Amino acid sequence: WETAYADDYVLEASLEPIAENPNNTNAWVLFDGRNQKQVASMRSVTESGRSPGVTEPRPLHVVHEIQLGKSSRPFSFLRLHILKSKTGWGVSLWQFDVYGFRADELHAAR
């Protein structure tokens, strides 16, 4: 994120495209930013820099790292559903990275 970031968002996963079927019953929530227990145990936040052109001090970069549990199911599609901006300006997402393992590689390694 940059200065215009969000804390309230839901990270959803599915085995089929979520956008093609908004009522996709096969989608499930991996992380819910409204759930304080999940926020405390799964999300770490790093802020750096200072946003230029803003009178009050705000970070230029805001990195949210979400550590999923080992019990997470394999998925093919991921959706970030932004519910509310932290600043009221909208949001600016600079980069979205996903790290993990392919399910077939995990099974082959066992």
N, C-alpha and C. Protein backbone atom coordinates (compact mmCIF):
# COMPACT_ATOMS: atom_id res chain seq x y z
N TRP A 1 0.84 -1.17 0.00
CA TRP A 1 0.00 0.00 0.00
C TRP A 1 0.89 1.24 0.00
N GLU A 2 0.27 2.38 -0.26
CA GLU A 2 0.94 3.65 -0.01
C GLU A 2 0.11 4.39 1.03
N THR A 3 0.25 5.68 1.14
CA THR A 3 -0.43 6.42 2.20
C THR A 3 -1.93 6.14 2.24
N ALA A 4 -2.55 6.00 1.09
CA ALA A 4 -3.99 5.67 1.02
C ALA A 4 -4.11 4.14 1.08
N TYR A 5 -4.23 3.60 2.28
CA TYR A 5 -4.25 2.15 2.44
C TYR A 5 -5.52 1.71 3.15
N ALA A 6 -5.67 0.42 3.30
CA ALA A 6 -6.85 -0.14 3.97
C ALA A 6 -6.41 -1.12 5.05
N ASP A 7 -7.15 -1.13 6.14
CA ASP A 7 -6.99 -2.15 7.19
C ASP A 7 -8.14 -3.14 7.14
N ASP A 8 -9.30 -2.65 6.70
CA ASP A 8 -10.49 -3.49 6.63
C ASP A 8 -10.61 -4.10 5.24
N TYR A 9 -10.20 -5.34 5.12
CA TYR A 9 -10.30 -6.07 3.86
C TYR A 9 -10.43 -7.55 4.16
N VAL A 10 -10.90 -8.27 3.16
CA VAL A 10 -11.05 -9.72 3.28
C VAL A 10 -10.27 -10.36 2.15
N LEU A 11 -9.49 -11.36 2.48
CA LEU A 11 -8.73 -12.12 1.49
C LEU A 11 -9.47 -13.44 1.30
N GLU A 12 -9.95 -13.67 0.08
CA GLU A 12 -10.75 -14.85 -0.22
C GLU A 12 -10.02 -15.75 -1.22
N ALA A 13 -10.29 -17.03 -1.15
CA ALA A 13 -9.69 -18.00 -2.06
C ALA A 13 -10.77 -18.88 -2.67
N SER A 14 -10.43 -19.47 -3.81
CA SER A 14 -11.38 -20.36 -4.48
C SER A 14 -10.62 -21.27 -5.44
N LEU A 15 -11.26 -22.35 -5.80
CA LEU A 15 -10.73 -23.24 -6.82
C LEU A 15 -11.22 -22.84 -8.21
N GLU A 16 -12.19 -21.92 -8.29
CA GLU A 16 -12.71 -21.43 -9.56
C GLU A 16 -12.72 -19.91 -9.52
N PRO A 17 -12.76 -19.25 -10.69
CA PRO A 17 -12.73 -17.77 -10.70
C PRO A 17 -13.89 -17.18 -9.90
N ILE A 18 -13.58 -16.31 -8.96
CA ILE A 18 -14.59 -15.70 -8.11
C ILE A 18 -15.35 -14.62 -8.89
N ALA A 19 -14.65 -13.86 -9.73
CA ALA A 19 -15.28 -12.75 -10.45
C ALA A 19 -16.35 -13.23 -11.43
N GLU A 20 -16.19 -14.41 -12.00
CA GLU A 20 -17.16 -14.93 -12.97
C GLU A 20 -18.46 -15.34 -12.30
N ASN A 21 -18.39 -15.68 -11.03
CA ASN A 21 -19.57 -16.11 -10.30
C ASN A 21 -19.57 -15.44 -8.93
N PRO A 22 -20.19 -14.25 -8.80
CA PRO A 22 -20.16 -13.54 -7.52
C PRO A 22 -20.80 -14.32 -6.37
N ASN A 23 -21.65 -15.27 -6.68
CA ASN A 23 -22.28 -16.09 -5.65
C ASN A 23 -21.55 -17.42 -5.48
N ASN A 24 -20.29 -17.42 -5.80
CA ASN A 24 -19.46 -18.62 -5.74
C ASN A 24 -19.48 -19.20 -4.32
N THR A 25 -20.14 -20.32 -4.17
CA THR A 25 -20.22 -20.96 -2.85
C THR A 25 -18.98 -21.77 -2.54
N ASN A 26 -18.09 -21.88 -3.52
CA ASN A 26 -16.84 -22.61 -3.30
C ASN A 26 -15.72 -21.70 -2.80
N ALA A 27 -16.00 -20.41 -2.64
CA ALA A 27 -15.00 -19.48 -2.13
C ALA A 27 -15.00 -19.52 -0.60
N TRP A 28 -13.85 -19.29 -0.02
CA TRP A 28 -13.75 -19.26 1.44
C TRP A 28 -12.81 -18.14 1.86
N VAL A 29 -12.97 -17.68 3.07
CA VAL A 29 -12.18 -16.57 3.60
C VAL A 29 -10.89 -17.10 4.21
N LEU A 30 -9.77 -16.54 3.76
CA LEU A 30 -8.46 -16.87 4.34
C LEU A 30 -8.11 -15.92 5.48
N PHE A 31 -8.51 -14.66 5.33
CA PHE A 31 -8.18 -13.63 6.31
C PHE A 31 -9.27 -12.57 6.28
N ASP A 32 -9.70 -12.11 7.46
CA ASP A 32 -10.70 -11.06 7.57
C ASP A 32 -10.14 -9.95 8.45
N GLY A 33 -9.86 -8.79 7.86
CA GLY A 33 -9.28 -7.66 8.58
C GLY A 33 -10.17 -7.07 9.65
N ARG A 34 -11.44 -7.47 9.69
CA ARG A 34 -12.36 -7.00 10.74
C ARG A 34 -12.28 -7.90 11.97
N ASN A 35 -11.68 -9.06 11.83
CA ASN A 35 -11.57 -10.03 12.92
C ASN A 35 -10.28 -9.74 13.70
N GLN A 36 -10.40 -9.13 14.86
CA GLN A 36 -9.22 -8.70 15.63
C GLN A 36 -8.32 -9.86 16.04
N LYS A 37 -8.88 -11.02 16.25
CA LYS A 37 -8.08 -12.19 16.59
C LYS A 37 -7.18 -12.59 15.41
N GLN A 38 -7.74 -12.58 14.19
CA GLN A 38 -6.95 -12.89 13.01
C GLN A 38 -5.90 -11.80 12.76
N VAL A 39 -6.29 -10.54 12.93
CA VAL A 39 -5.36 -9.43 12.73
C VAL A 39 -4.16 -9.59 13.67
N ALA A 40 -4.41 -9.89 14.93
CA ALA A 40 -3.34 -10.02 15.92
C ALA A 40 -2.43 -11.21 15.65
N SER A 41 -2.99 -12.31 15.17
CA SER A 41 -2.19 -13.52 15.01
C SER A 41 -1.64 -13.74 13.61
N MET A 42 -2.22 -13.10 12.59
CA MET A 42 -1.83 -13.42 11.21
C MET A 42 -1.19 -12.26 10.45
N ARG A 43 -1.46 -11.01 10.85
CA ARG A 43 -0.99 -9.87 10.05
C ARG A 43 0.09 -9.08 10.78
N SER A 44 1.16 -8.81 10.06
CA SER A 44 2.18 -7.89 10.57
C SER A 44 2.20 -6.68 9.63
N VAL A 45 2.48 -5.51 10.18
CA VAL A 45 2.46 -4.27 9.41
C VAL A 45 3.80 -3.57 9.57
N THR A 46 4.36 -3.13 8.44
CA THR A 46 5.61 -2.37 8.43
C THR A 46 5.36 -1.06 7.68
N GLU A 47 5.70 0.05 8.30
CA GLU A 47 5.55 1.36 7.67
C GLU A 47 6.93 1.97 7.46
N SER A 48 7.09 2.67 6.31
CA SER A 48 8.38 3.32 6.04
C SER A 48 8.16 4.58 5.20
N GLY A 49 9.15 5.45 5.24
CA GLY A 49 9.11 6.68 4.47
C GLY A 49 8.09 7.67 5.00
N ARG A 50 8.00 8.79 4.32
CA ARG A 50 7.01 9.82 4.67
C ARG A 50 6.38 10.30 3.39
N SER A 51 5.07 10.32 3.36
CA SER A 51 4.34 10.72 2.16
C SER A 51 4.53 12.21 1.89
N PRO A 52 5.00 12.57 0.68
CA PRO A 52 5.17 13.99 0.35
C PRO A 52 3.82 14.62 0.01
N GLY A 53 3.71 15.89 0.23
CA GLY A 53 2.51 16.61 -0.15
C GLY A 53 1.34 16.45 0.80
N VAL A 54 1.56 15.78 1.92
CA VAL A 54 0.51 15.61 2.92
C VAL A 54 0.96 16.36 4.17
N THR A 55 0.11 17.23 4.69
CA THR A 55 0.53 18.08 5.81
C THR A 55 0.81 17.31 7.09
N GLU A 56 -0.02 16.34 7.41
CA GLU A 56 0.24 15.56 8.62
C GLU A 56 1.16 14.38 8.27
N PRO A 57 2.04 13.98 9.19
CA PRO A 57 2.97 12.89 8.88
C PRO A 57 2.23 11.57 8.64
N ARG A 58 2.45 11.00 7.46
CA ARG A 58 1.88 9.70 7.11
C ARG A 58 2.95 8.88 6.41
N PRO A 59 2.92 7.56 6.59
CA PRO A 59 3.94 6.73 5.95
C PRO A 59 3.74 6.70 4.43
N LEU A 60 4.85 6.60 3.71
CA LEU A 60 4.78 6.49 2.25
C LEU A 60 4.45 5.05 1.84
N HIS A 61 5.04 4.09 2.53
CA HIS A 61 4.81 2.68 2.23
C HIS A 61 4.24 1.97 3.46
N VAL A 62 3.21 1.18 3.25
CA VAL A 62 2.61 0.37 4.31
C VAL A 62 2.53 -1.06 3.79
N VAL A 63 3.29 -1.95 4.42
CA VAL A 63 3.34 -3.34 3.98
C VAL A 63 2.58 -4.21 4.98
N HIS A 64 1.60 -4.92 4.49
CA HIS A 64 0.86 -5.90 5.30
C HIS A 64 1.32 -7.28 4.87
N GLU A 65 1.81 -8.05 5.81
CA GLU A 65 2.19 -9.43 5.52
C GLU A 65 1.24 -10.34 6.30
N ILE A 66 0.57 -11.22 5.57
CA ILE A 66 -0.39 -12.13 6.19
C ILE A 66 0.17 -13.54 6.10
N GLN A 67 0.35 -14.14 7.25
CA GLN A 67 0.88 -15.50 7.35
C GLN A 67 -0.29 -16.46 7.53
N LEU A 68 -0.56 -17.25 6.50
CA LEU A 68 -1.66 -18.22 6.59
C LEU A 68 -1.22 -19.44 7.38
N GLY A 69 -2.15 -20.06 8.05
CA GLY A 69 -1.85 -21.26 8.82
C GLY A 69 -1.54 -22.45 7.93
N LYS A 70 -0.91 -23.44 8.49
CA LYS A 70 -0.56 -24.64 7.73
C LYS A 70 -1.79 -25.44 7.31
N SER A 71 -2.92 -25.17 7.91
CA SER A 71 -4.13 -25.91 7.58
C SER A 71 -4.87 -25.32 6.38
N SER A 72 -4.32 -24.25 5.77
CA SER A 72 -4.98 -23.65 4.62
C SER A 72 -5.08 -24.65 3.48
N ARG A 73 -6.24 -24.67 2.84
CA ARG A 73 -6.46 -25.58 1.72
C ARG A 73 -5.80 -25.02 0.47
N PRO A 74 -5.48 -25.90 -0.48
CA PRO A 74 -4.96 -25.41 -1.77
C PRO A 74 -6.03 -24.57 -2.49
N PHE A 75 -5.60 -23.58 -3.25
CA PHE A 75 -6.53 -22.76 -4.02
C PHE A 75 -5.86 -22.31 -5.30
N SER A 76 -6.67 -21.93 -6.27
CA SER A 76 -6.16 -21.47 -7.56
C SER A 76 -6.39 -19.98 -7.77
N PHE A 77 -7.38 -19.39 -7.10
CA PHE A 77 -7.73 -17.99 -7.29
C PHE A 77 -7.77 -17.29 -5.95
N LEU A 78 -7.36 -16.02 -5.98
CA LEU A 78 -7.28 -15.21 -4.77
C LEU A 78 -7.93 -13.86 -5.06
N ARG A 79 -8.73 -13.36 -4.11
CA ARG A 79 -9.34 -12.04 -4.27
C ARG A 79 -9.12 -11.23 -3.00
N LEU A 80 -8.70 -9.99 -3.20
CA LEU A 80 -8.60 -9.03 -2.12
C LEU A 80 -9.83 -8.13 -2.21
N HIS A 81 -10.72 -8.26 -1.25
CA HIS A 81 -11.97 -7.48 -1.23
C HIS A 81 -11.78 -6.36 -0.21
N ILE A 82 -11.57 -5.14 -0.70
CA ILE A 82 -11.32 -3.99 0.17
C ILE A 82 -12.66 -3.44 0.65
N LEU A 83 -12.83 -3.38 1.96
CA LEU A 83 -14.09 -2.96 2.55
C LEU A 83 -14.12 -1.47 2.91
N LYS A 84 -12.98 -0.95 3.39
CA LYS A 84 -12.96 0.45 3.84
C LYS A 84 -11.53 0.97 3.85
N SER A 85 -11.36 2.18 3.34
CA SER A 85 -10.07 2.85 3.37
C SER A 85 -9.75 3.31 4.79
N LYS A 86 -8.50 3.22 5.17
CA LYS A 86 -8.08 3.70 6.49
C LYS A 86 -8.12 5.23 6.57
N THR A 87 -7.82 5.89 5.44
CA THR A 87 -7.69 7.34 5.45
C THR A 87 -8.92 8.08 4.93
N GLY A 88 -9.84 7.39 4.28
CA GLY A 88 -10.99 8.05 3.69
C GLY A 88 -10.74 8.57 2.29
N TRP A 89 -9.55 8.35 1.74
CA TRP A 89 -9.19 8.83 0.40
C TRP A 89 -9.40 7.80 -0.69
N GLY A 90 -9.80 6.63 -0.38
CA GLY A 90 -9.71 5.53 -1.33
C GLY A 90 -8.45 4.75 -1.01
N VAL A 91 -8.01 3.87 -1.89
CA VAL A 91 -6.80 3.10 -1.61
C VAL A 91 -5.86 3.11 -2.81
N SER A 92 -4.60 2.90 -2.53
CA SER A 92 -3.58 2.78 -3.56
C SER A 92 -2.73 1.57 -3.23
N LEU A 93 -2.93 0.52 -3.98
CA LEU A 93 -2.19 -0.73 -3.78
C LEU A 93 -1.06 -0.77 -4.80
N TRP A 94 0.18 -0.72 -4.34
CA TRP A 94 1.32 -0.69 -5.23
C TRP A 94 1.74 -2.09 -5.67
N GLN A 95 1.65 -3.03 -4.79
CA GLN A 95 2.18 -4.37 -5.09
C GLN A 95 1.43 -5.40 -4.28
N PHE A 96 1.22 -6.57 -4.88
CA PHE A 96 0.51 -7.67 -4.22
C PHE A 96 1.28 -8.94 -4.56
N ASP A 97 1.93 -9.53 -3.59
CA ASP A 97 2.73 -10.73 -3.81
C ASP A 97 2.12 -11.90 -3.06
N VAL A 98 2.21 -13.07 -3.65
CA VAL A 98 1.74 -14.30 -3.02
C VAL A 98 2.89 -15.29 -3.05
N TYR A 99 3.20 -15.85 -1.90
CA TYR A 99 4.27 -16.84 -1.79
C TYR A 99 3.68 -18.13 -1.24
N GLY A 100 4.19 -19.24 -1.71
CA GLY A 100 3.69 -20.51 -1.20
C GLY A 100 4.23 -21.66 -2.03
N PHE A 101 3.54 -22.77 -1.95
CA PHE A 101 3.95 -23.97 -2.64
C PHE A 101 2.79 -24.52 -3.44
N ARG A 102 3.11 -25.16 -4.55
CA ARG A 102 2.07 -25.86 -5.30
C ARG A 102 1.71 -27.13 -4.55
N ALA A 103 0.43 -27.44 -4.49
CA ALA A 103 -0.03 -28.61 -3.72
C ALA A 103 0.60 -29.90 -4.23
N ASP A 104 0.76 -30.04 -5.55
CA ASP A 104 1.36 -31.28 -6.08
C ASP A 104 2.83 -31.40 -5.68
N GLU A 105 3.52 -30.28 -5.52
CA GLU A 105 4.91 -30.32 -5.07
C GLU A 105 4.99 -30.74 -3.60
N LEU A 106 4.05 -30.28 -2.78
CA LEU A 106 4.04 -30.67 -1.37
C LEU A 106 3.80 -32.16 -1.21
N HIS A 107 2.85 -32.70 -1.97
CA HIS A 107 2.54 -34.13 -1.87
C HIS A 107 3.69 -34.98 -2.39
N ALA A 108 4.38 -34.51 -3.43
CA ALA A 108 5.50 -35.27 -3.99
C ALA A 108 6.69 -35.29 -3.04
N ALA A 109 6.83 -34.25 -2.23
CA ALA A 109 7.97 -34.16 -1.31
C ALA A 109 7.80 -35.03 -0.08
N ARG A 110 6.61 -35.49 0.18
CA ARG A 110 6.37 -36.28 1.40
C ARG A 110 6.81 -37.70 1.24
